[in-house]
């Protein structure tokens, strides 16, 4: 029996690339490190761009991802949504549309997607706006039956997360990225890939 091969492409901003992580793994690297490969071959590609919002991701993802995917493999897309739309004055309706366009195109191409929502920061006013944005992303994903991982709600008042941000100029460090990875791993990652969840996780 041939081993399943999954081409896994991830798009997002500098958090996807793990900026500020002393171990240079970020949350995505940690997730991959905890993903068993005895029953499946995973070929992963991190396609991160700094400080980009949903508009930029929606414009570039297909061309960049398409160069990594193959008709001979299972093609999966991780979309790490960011909070940058808040700074770009993009309306929530527009943010929803940008993600919807990505997911609709992915569905047409038989690409299974997982949407990872943006994590909270330390600014209470900004977090209040981010709550609406994160909820909108989750709604768009669920309506289209793609997986969604909520980063905002569980991390908003998480003491270790907030302490890590405070110690790293508002960005996650080793502890913060570890928390993000834990959420992805325990919010449907293995089921989404169609592989058994290891007992030690």
Protein backbone atom coordinates (compact mmCIF):
# COMPACT_ATOMS: atom_id res chain seq x y z
CA UNK A 1 0.00 0.00 0.00
CA UNK A 2 1.40 3.36 -1.00
CA UNK A 3 2.06 5.90 1.73
CA UNK A 4 -0.25 8.89 1.67
CA UNK A 5 1.51 12.09 0.70
CA UNK A 6 0.11 15.40 1.90
CA UNK A 7 1.34 18.67 0.47
CA UNK A 8 0.70 21.19 3.21
CA UNK A 9 0.97 24.89 2.37
CA UNK A 10 0.49 27.60 4.99
CA UNK A 11 -0.10 31.29 4.33
CA UNK A 12 -0.02 34.06 6.91
CA UNK A 13 2.12 36.78 8.44
CA UNK A 14 5.24 36.87 10.59
CA UNK A 15 3.58 34.85 13.38
CA UNK A 16 3.32 31.94 10.97
CA UNK A 17 7.05 32.31 10.31
CA UNK A 18 7.76 32.22 14.05
CA UNK A 19 9.39 35.64 14.40
CA UNK A 20 10.63 36.16 17.95
CA UNK A 21 10.81 32.47 18.79
CA UNK A 22 14.23 31.57 20.24
CA UNK A 23 13.78 28.04 18.87
CA UNK A 24 12.91 29.37 15.40
CA UNK A 25 9.93 27.01 15.15
CA UNK A 26 6.91 29.21 15.72
CA UNK A 27 3.57 27.53 16.28
CA UNK A 28 3.53 25.86 12.87
CA UNK A 29 6.92 24.21 13.32
CA UNK A 30 5.85 22.90 16.71
CA UNK A 31 2.65 21.49 15.24
CA UNK A 32 4.56 19.69 12.50
CA UNK A 33 7.05 18.33 15.04
CA UNK A 34 4.15 16.73 16.95
CA UNK A 35 2.58 15.25 13.84
CA UNK A 36 3.38 11.54 13.43
CA UNK A 37 4.72 10.58 10.03
CA UNK A 38 4.69 6.79 10.29
CA UNK A 39 1.48 6.51 8.26
CA UNK A 40 1.74 9.59 6.06
CA UNK A 41 4.36 11.66 4.29
CA UNK A 42 3.96 15.39 4.90
CA UNK A 43 5.65 17.93 2.66
CA UNK A 44 5.15 21.37 4.18
CA UNK A 45 5.67 24.86 2.77
CA UNK A 46 5.50 28.03 4.87
CA UNK A 47 4.47 31.00 2.71
CA UNK A 48 4.55 33.87 5.18
CA UNK A 49 4.71 37.59 4.42
CA UNK A 50 5.15 40.27 7.11
CA UNK A 51 2.33 42.53 8.24
CA UNK A 52 -0.23 41.46 5.69
CA UNK A 53 -3.98 41.37 6.06
CA UNK A 54 -6.74 39.36 4.48
CA UNK A 55 -6.68 41.34 1.23
CA UNK A 56 -3.06 40.51 0.56
CA UNK A 57 -3.48 36.86 1.48
CA UNK A 58 -6.50 36.53 -0.80
CA UNK A 59 -4.59 38.05 -3.70
CA UNK A 60 -1.46 35.93 -3.48
CA UNK A 61 -2.38 32.57 -2.01
CA UNK A 62 -3.49 30.72 -5.11
CA UNK A 63 -0.47 31.49 -7.26
CA UNK A 64 2.00 30.67 -4.49
CA UNK A 65 0.20 27.59 -3.24
CA UNK A 66 -0.42 26.31 -6.74
CA UNK A 67 3.30 26.10 -7.36
CA UNK A 68 3.67 23.71 -4.43
CA UNK A 69 0.66 21.47 -4.95
CA UNK A 70 0.46 18.42 -7.18
CA UNK A 71 -2.27 16.30 -8.71
CA UNK A 72 -0.45 13.28 -7.25
CA UNK A 73 -0.78 14.42 -3.62
CA UNK A 74 -3.42 15.36 -1.07
CA UNK A 75 -3.33 19.15 -1.01
CA UNK A 76 -4.10 20.97 2.23
CA UNK A 77 -4.10 24.69 3.00
CA UNK A 78 -3.54 26.36 6.38
CA UNK A 79 -4.69 29.97 6.44
CA UNK A 80 -3.27 31.84 9.43
CA UNK A 81 -5.49 34.91 9.56
CA UNK A 82 -3.99 38.04 11.06
CA UNK A 83 -5.19 41.09 12.97
CA UNK A 84 -3.68 43.45 10.41
CA UNK A 85 -7.09 44.33 8.91
CA UNK A 86 -7.73 46.38 12.05
CA UNK A 87 -4.76 48.60 11.20
CA UNK A 88 -5.64 48.83 7.53
CA UNK A 89 -9.20 50.03 8.25
CA UNK A 90 -10.66 47.10 6.36
CA UNK A 91 -14.28 46.52 7.36
CA UNK A 92 -15.30 43.24 8.92
CA UNK A 93 -17.59 42.65 5.94
CA UNK A 94 -14.64 43.03 3.58
CA UNK A 95 -12.48 40.76 5.75
CA UNK A 96 -15.21 38.14 5.64
CA UNK A 97 -15.40 38.41 1.87
CA UNK A 98 -11.64 38.03 1.47
CA UNK A 99 -11.60 34.82 3.48
CA UNK A 100 -14.76 33.58 1.78
CA UNK A 101 -13.13 34.04 -1.64
CA UNK A 102 -10.13 31.98 -0.52
CA UNK A 103 -12.25 29.17 0.87
CA UNK A 104 -14.63 29.09 -2.07
CA UNK A 105 -11.73 28.78 -4.50
CA UNK A 106 -10.11 26.12 -2.32
CA UNK A 107 -13.34 24.12 -2.28
CA UNK A 108 -13.63 24.32 -6.06
CA UNK A 109 -10.10 22.92 -6.30
CA UNK A 110 -10.81 20.16 -3.73
CA UNK A 111 -8.30 21.68 -1.29
CA UNK A 112 -9.14 21.06 2.36
CA UNK A 113 -8.46 24.20 4.38
CA UNK A 114 -7.89 24.95 8.05
CA UNK A 115 -8.36 28.54 9.16
CA UNK A 116 -6.39 29.61 12.23
CA UNK A 117 -7.79 32.76 13.77
CA UNK A 118 -5.69 35.70 14.99
CA UNK A 119 -4.51 35.66 18.62
CA UNK A 120 -5.22 38.53 21.04
CA UNK A 121 -2.74 41.20 22.04
CA UNK A 122 -2.45 43.28 25.20
CA UNK A 123 -4.49 46.32 24.08
CA UNK A 124 -8.03 45.96 25.46
CA UNK A 125 -9.64 48.29 22.91
CA UNK A 126 -7.98 46.55 20.01
CA UNK A 127 -8.89 43.16 21.43
CA UNK A 128 -12.54 44.17 21.54
CA UNK A 129 -12.42 44.87 17.81
CA UNK A 130 -10.42 41.71 17.20
CA UNK A 131 -13.12 39.64 18.92
CA UNK A 132 -15.56 40.58 16.16
CA UNK A 133 -13.01 39.87 13.44
CA UNK A 134 -12.08 36.48 14.85
CA UNK A 135 -15.74 35.52 15.21
CA UNK A 136 -16.36 36.58 11.60
CA UNK A 137 -13.53 34.38 10.37
CA UNK A 138 -14.89 31.45 12.35
CA UNK A 139 -18.36 31.95 10.92
CA UNK A 140 -17.08 32.09 7.35
CA UNK A 141 -15.07 28.89 7.82
CA UNK A 142 -17.85 26.95 9.52
CA UNK A 143 -20.44 27.96 6.92
CA UNK A 144 -18.17 26.49 4.26
CA UNK A 145 -17.39 23.40 6.35
CA UNK A 146 -13.69 24.11 6.68
CA UNK A 147 -11.85 23.66 9.97
CA UNK A 148 -11.39 26.70 12.23
CA UNK A 149 -9.13 27.13 15.24
CA UNK A 150 -10.11 29.96 17.59
CA UNK A 151 -6.96 31.52 19.03
CA UNK A 152 -8.66 34.60 20.42
CA UNK A 153 -11.04 33.23 23.05
CA UNK A 154 -8.76 30.79 24.92
CA UNK A 155 -5.75 33.14 24.93
CA UNK A 156 -7.47 36.44 25.76
CA UNK A 157 -7.13 36.12 29.54
CA UNK A 158 -4.48 33.38 29.60
CA UNK A 159 -1.90 34.47 32.16
CA UNK A 160 1.09 32.77 30.53
CA UNK A 161 0.16 34.16 27.11
CA UNK A 162 -0.17 37.71 28.40
CA UNK A 163 3.07 37.45 30.33
CA UNK A 164 4.90 36.16 27.28
CA UNK A 165 3.61 39.05 25.15
CA UNK A 166 4.62 41.56 27.84
CA UNK A 167 8.14 40.14 27.94
CA UNK A 168 8.52 40.15 24.14
CA UNK A 169 7.29 43.58 23.07
CA UNK A 170 3.77 42.40 22.32
CA UNK A 171 4.76 39.36 20.26
CA UNK A 172 4.80 35.73 21.38
CA UNK A 173 8.03 34.10 22.43
CA UNK A 174 8.75 30.47 23.10
CA UNK A 175 5.90 30.05 25.59
CA UNK A 176 3.39 31.90 23.43
CA UNK A 177 4.12 29.91 20.32
CA UNK A 178 3.86 26.74 22.38
CA UNK A 179 0.36 27.74 23.49
CA UNK A 180 -0.67 28.48 19.91
CA UNK A 181 0.62 25.11 18.78
CA UNK A 182 -1.23 23.34 21.60
CA UNK A 183 -4.50 24.91 20.49
CA UNK A 184 -4.06 23.83 16.88
CA UNK A 185 -3.09 20.29 17.90
CA UNK A 186 -6.09 19.96 20.22
CA UNK A 187 -8.70 21.65 18.02
CA UNK A 188 -8.93 19.18 15.19
CA UNK A 189 -5.48 19.03 13.55
CA UNK A 190 -5.17 15.24 13.47
CA UNK A 191 -8.77 14.77 12.39
CA UNK A 192 -8.30 17.34 9.64
CA UNK A 193 -5.27 15.44 8.33
CA UNK A 194 -7.03 12.12 8.75
CA UNK A 195 -4.37 10.58 10.99
CA UNK A 196 -4.54 9.08 14.50
CA UNK A 197 -3.94 11.46 17.38
CA UNK A 198 -0.92 10.36 19.42
CA UNK A 199 -1.76 9.55 23.03
CA UNK A 200 1.05 11.70 24.42
CA UNK A 201 -0.54 14.87 22.98
